[in-house]
Amino acid sequence: MIRLYTDAATKGNFGLGGIGILIVENGQATQVHRPLAAMSNHAAEFEAVIAGLTLLIESGRTGSVRLASDSKLVIEAMDKRYAKHYADYVTKLTALMAQFTLLLWQWVPEAQNKGAHTLAQQGLREAEALAAKRGPH
């Protein structure tokens, strides 16, 4: 079973962000980080899960997957197929979830999600570097 860990980091609760995706399959780890535009931390957490699932789908890995996130909001949204104020994200997530043969998800404490957390911090630093290059608007 593929294990997918996702996390997000934002500078402030509305600010630049980054996502981290850690995929562990057959003892091999794939690490991905990406910068995000300014958004809330909750939105960034949804972006991380969506990006992780999309990455698996695009690489043809849609069999058995166990997803771990330290975002209670995202995990509860997946359970209920609903999240107040985040309907667009839930719609995207639901469509992605349907493409897997078996997709299990669970909330994990931040301490158990350090790999994805570190990658999200790298994505945030990249977002900050890109913003610094663009300069003030």
C-alpha atoms as a PDB file:
ATOM      1  CA  MET A   1       0.000   0.000   0.000  1.00  0.00           C
ATOM      2  CA  ILE A   2       1.259   3.447  -0.924  1.00  0.00           C
ATOM      3  CA  ARG A   3       1.542   5.900   1.960  1.00  0.00           C
ATOM      4  CA  LEU A   4       0.911   9.563   1.193  1.00  0.00           C
ATOM      5  CA  TYR A   5       1.755  12.272   3.733  1.00  0.00           C
ATOM      6  CA  THR A   6       0.798  15.890   3.063  1.00  0.00           C
ATOM      7  CA  ASP A   7       1.257  19.160   4.906  1.00  0.00           C
ATOM      8  CA  ALA A   8       1.114  22.892   4.321  1.00  0.00           C
ATOM      9  CA  ALA A   9       2.878  25.884   5.812  1.00  0.00           C
ATOM     10  CA  THR A  10       1.851  29.518   5.588  1.00  0.00           C
ATOM     11  CA  LYS A  11       3.447  32.701   6.824  1.00  0.00           C
ATOM     12  CA  GLY A  12       0.615  33.955   9.011  1.00  0.00           C
ATOM     13  CA  ASN A  13      -2.896  32.612   8.682  1.00  0.00           C
ATOM     14  CA  PHE A  14      -3.215  34.453   5.423  1.00  0.00           C
ATOM     15  CA  GLY A  15       0.052  34.642   3.673  1.00  0.00           C
ATOM     16  CA  LEU A  16       2.458  33.001   1.300  1.00  0.00           C
ATOM     17  CA  GLY A  17       2.624  29.281   1.675  1.00  0.00           C
ATOM     18  CA  GLY A  18       4.110  26.027   0.634  1.00  0.00           C
ATOM     19  CA  ILE A  19       3.047  22.414   0.459  1.00  0.00           C
ATOM     20  CA  GLY A  20       4.894  19.211   1.154  1.00  0.00           C
ATOM     21  CA  ILE A  21       4.109  15.795  -0.262  1.00  0.00           C
ATOM     22  CA  LEU A  22       5.855  12.617   0.852  1.00  0.00           C
ATOM     23  CA  ILE A  23       5.026   9.382  -0.958  1.00  0.00           C
ATOM     24  CA  VAL A  24       6.394   6.119   0.418  1.00  0.00           C
ATOM     25  CA  GLU A  25       6.079   3.057  -1.793  1.00  0.00           C
ATOM     26  CA  ASN A  26       8.015  -0.201  -1.525  1.00  0.00           C
ATOM     27  CA  GLY A  27      10.529   1.394   0.826  1.00  0.00           C
ATOM     28  CA  GLN A  28      11.228   4.242  -1.615  1.00  0.00           C
ATOM     29  CA  ALA A  29      10.360   7.848  -0.795  1.00  0.00           C
ATOM     30  CA  THR A  30       9.351  10.555  -3.249  1.00  0.00           C
ATOM     31  CA  GLN A  31       9.553  14.080  -1.847  1.00  0.00           C
ATOM     32  CA  VAL A  32       7.843  17.076  -3.441  1.00  0.00           C
ATOM     33  CA  HIS A  33       7.508  20.664  -2.278  1.00  0.00           C
ATOM     34  CA  ARG A  34       5.830  23.553  -4.033  1.00  0.00           C
ATOM     35  CA  PRO A  35       5.314  27.248  -3.322  1.00  0.00           C
ATOM     36  CA  LEU A  36       1.804  28.660  -2.951  1.00  0.00           C
ATOM     37  CA  ALA A  37       0.358  32.117  -3.421  1.00  0.00           C
ATOM     38  CA  ALA A  38      -1.049  33.890  -0.361  1.00  0.00           C
ATOM     39  CA  MET A  39      -3.960  31.999   1.215  1.00  0.00           C
ATOM     40  CA  SER A  40      -5.259  30.757   4.540  1.00  0.00           C
ATOM     41  CA  ASN A  41      -3.607  27.832   6.262  1.00  0.00           C
ATOM     42  CA  HIS A  42      -6.775  25.744   5.850  1.00  0.00           C
ATOM     43  CA  ALA A  43      -6.852  26.398   2.099  1.00  0.00           C
ATOM     44  CA  ALA A  44      -3.174  25.479   1.882  1.00  0.00           C
ATOM     45  CA  GLU A  45      -3.847  22.156   3.664  1.00  0.00           C
ATOM     46  CA  PHE A  46      -6.546  21.352   1.088  1.00  0.00           C
ATOM     47  CA  GLU A  47      -4.113  22.321  -1.691  1.00  0.00           C
ATOM     48  CA  ALA A  48      -1.535  19.890  -0.277  1.00  0.00           C
ATOM     49  CA  VAL A  49      -3.898  16.909  -0.236  1.00  0.00           C
ATOM     50  CA  ILE A  50      -5.257  17.728  -3.687  1.00  0.00           C
ATOM     51  CA  ALA A  51      -1.728  18.041  -5.079  1.00  0.00           C
ATOM     52  CA  GLY A  52      -0.672  14.754  -3.478  1.00  0.00           C
ATOM     53  CA  LEU A  53      -3.637  12.816  -4.828  1.00  0.00           C
ATOM     54  CA  THR A  54      -3.233  14.438  -8.246  1.00  0.00           C
ATOM     55  CA  LEU A  55       0.437  13.459  -8.326  1.00  0.00           C
ATOM     56  CA  LEU A  56      -0.479   9.836  -7.633  1.00  0.00           C
ATOM     57  CA  ILE A  57      -3.216   9.850 -10.289  1.00  0.00           C
ATOM     58  CA  GLU A  58      -0.936  11.425 -12.906  1.00  0.00           C
ATOM     59  CA  SER A  59       1.691   8.755 -12.248  1.00  0.00           C
ATOM     60  CA  GLY A  60      -0.863   5.937 -12.543  1.00  0.00           C
ATOM     61  CA  ARG A  61      -0.743   4.959  -8.878  1.00  0.00           C
ATOM     62  CA  THR A  62      -4.460   4.693  -8.131  1.00  0.00           C
ATOM     63  CA  GLY A  63      -4.550   1.372  -6.284  1.00  0.00           C
ATOM     64  CA  SER A  64      -4.387   1.202  -2.499  1.00  0.00           C
ATOM     65  CA  VAL A  65      -3.328   4.420  -0.777  1.00  0.00           C
ATOM     66  CA  ARG A  66      -3.191   5.459   2.870  1.00  0.00           C
ATOM     67  CA  LEU A  67      -3.270   9.250   3.240  1.00  0.00           C
ATOM     68  CA  ALA A  68      -2.073  10.966   6.407  1.00  0.00           C
ATOM     69  CA  SER A  69      -2.599  14.649   7.169  1.00  0.00           C
ATOM     70  CA  ASP A  70      -2.277  16.681  10.351  1.00  0.00           C
ATOM     71  CA  SER A  71      -5.208  18.873   9.252  1.00  0.00           C
ATOM     72  CA  LYS A  72      -8.322  17.864  11.158  1.00  0.00           C
ATOM     73  CA  LEU A  73     -10.406  20.091   8.885  1.00  0.00           C
ATOM     74  CA  VAL A  74      -9.307  18.279   5.714  1.00  0.00           C
ATOM     75  CA  ILE A  75      -9.719  14.804   7.205  1.00  0.00           C
ATOM     76  CA  GLU A  76     -13.179  15.658   8.556  1.00  0.00           C
ATOM     77  CA  ALA A  77     -14.102  17.147   5.161  1.00  0.00           C
ATOM     78  CA  MET A  78     -13.102  13.863   3.521  1.00  0.00           C
ATOM     79  CA  ASP A  79     -15.188  11.929   6.061  1.00  0.00           C
ATOM     80  CA  LYS A  80     -18.281  14.115   5.646  1.00  0.00           C
ATOM     81  CA  ARG A  81     -17.770  15.242   2.041  1.00  0.00           C
ATOM     82  CA  TYR A  82     -18.423  18.723   3.423  1.00  0.00           C
ATOM     83  CA  ALA A  83     -16.540  21.661   4.910  1.00  0.00           C
ATOM     84  CA  LYS A  84     -18.154  25.017   5.567  1.00  0.00           C
ATOM     85  CA  HIS A  85     -16.419  27.747   3.518  1.00  0.00           C
ATOM     86  CA  TYR A  86     -14.421  25.165   1.510  1.00  0.00           C
ATOM     87  CA  ALA A  87     -17.029  23.660  -0.829  1.00  0.00           C
ATOM     88  CA  ASP A  88     -14.861  24.082  -3.940  1.00  0.00           C
ATOM     89  CA  TYR A  89     -12.010  22.189  -2.303  1.00  0.00           C
ATOM     90  CA  VAL A  90     -14.354  19.423  -1.130  1.00  0.00           C
ATOM     91  CA  THR A  91     -15.737  19.074  -4.664  1.00  0.00           C
ATOM     92  CA  LYS A  92     -12.205  18.693  -6.057  1.00  0.00           C
ATOM     93  CA  LEU A  93     -11.233  16.254  -3.311  1.00  0.00           C
ATOM     94  CA  THR A  94     -14.314  14.091  -3.790  1.00  0.00           C
ATOM     95  CA  ALA A  95     -13.641  13.778  -7.530  1.00  0.00           C
ATOM     96  CA  LEU A  96     -10.028  12.768  -6.866  1.00  0.00           C
ATOM     97  CA  MET A  97     -10.967  10.312  -4.106  1.00  0.00           C
ATOM     98  CA  ALA A  98     -13.259   8.432  -6.512  1.00  0.00           C
ATOM     99  CA  GLN A  99     -10.326   7.601  -8.787  1.00  0.00           C
ATOM    100  CA  PHE A 100      -8.628   5.264  -6.293  1.00  0.00           C
ATOM    101  CA  THR A 101      -9.356   1.571  -5.873  1.00  0.00           C
ATOM    102  CA  LEU A 102      -8.898   1.968  -2.123  1.00  0.00           C
ATOM    103  CA  LEU A 103      -8.176   5.238  -0.352  1.00  0.00           C
ATOM    104  CA  LEU A 104      -7.906   5.346   3.418  1.00  0.00           C
ATOM    105  CA  TRP A 105      -7.276   8.603   5.246  1.00  0.00           C
ATOM    106  CA  GLN A 106      -6.456   9.508   8.774  1.00  0.00           C
ATOM    107  CA  TRP A 107      -5.504  12.458  10.876  1.00  0.00           C
ATOM    108  CA  VAL A 108      -2.048  12.192  12.429  1.00  0.00           C
ATOM    109  CA  PRO A 109      -0.410  14.437  15.010  1.00  0.00           C
ATOM    110  CA  GLU A 110       2.111  16.909  13.618  1.00  0.00           C
ATOM    111  CA  ALA A 111       4.909  14.874  15.233  1.00  0.00           C
ATOM    112  CA  GLN A 112       4.045  11.943  12.947  1.00  0.00           C
ATOM    113  CA  ASN A 113       4.037  14.109   9.829  1.00  0.00           C
ATOM    114  CA  LYS A 114       7.514  15.629  10.059  1.00  0.00           C
ATOM    115  CA  GLY A 115       8.629  14.572   6.565  1.00  0.00           C
ATOM    116  CA  ALA A 116       5.766  16.374   4.845  1.00  0.00           C
ATOM    117  CA  HIS A 117       6.095  19.284   7.288  1.00  0.00           C
ATOM    118  CA  THR A 118       9.761  19.792   6.386  1.00  0.00           C
ATOM    119  CA  LEU A 119       8.875  19.736   2.690  1.00  0.00           C
ATOM    120  CA  ALA A 120       6.070  22.274   3.244  1.00  0.00           C
ATOM    121  CA  GLN A 121       8.568  24.569   4.969  1.00  0.00           C
ATOM    122  CA  GLN A 122      10.815  24.266   1.898  1.00  0.00           C
ATOM    123  CA  GLY A 123       7.859  25.210  -0.310  1.00  0.00           C
ATOM    124  CA  LEU A 124       7.185  28.242   1.901  1.00  0.00           C
ATOM    125  CA  ARG A 125      10.827  29.357   1.662  1.00  0.00           C
ATOM    126  CA  GLU A 126      10.592  29.009  -2.122  1.00  0.00           C
ATOM    127  CA  ALA A 127       7.409  31.140  -2.168  1.00  0.00           C
ATOM    128  CA  GLU A 128       9.180  33.796  -0.085  1.00  0.00           C
ATOM    129  CA  ALA A 129      12.200  33.767  -2.403  1.00  0.00           C
ATOM    130  CA  LEU A 130       9.968  34.150  -5.472  1.00  0.00           C
ATOM    131  CA  ALA A 131       8.116  37.047  -3.828  1.00  0.00           C
ATOM    132  CA  ALA A 132      11.403  38.734  -2.932  1.00  0.00           C
ATOM    133  CA  LYS A 133      12.563  38.497  -6.556  1.00  0.00           C
ATOM    134  CA  ARG A 134       9.333  40.107  -7.769  1.00  0.00           C
ATOM    135  CA  GLY A 135       9.750  42.924  -5.272  1.00  0.00           C
ATOM    136  CA  PRO A 136       6.994  45.117  -3.796  1.00  0.00           C
ATOM    137  CA  HIS A 137       3.827  45.656  -5.839  1.00  0.00           C
END
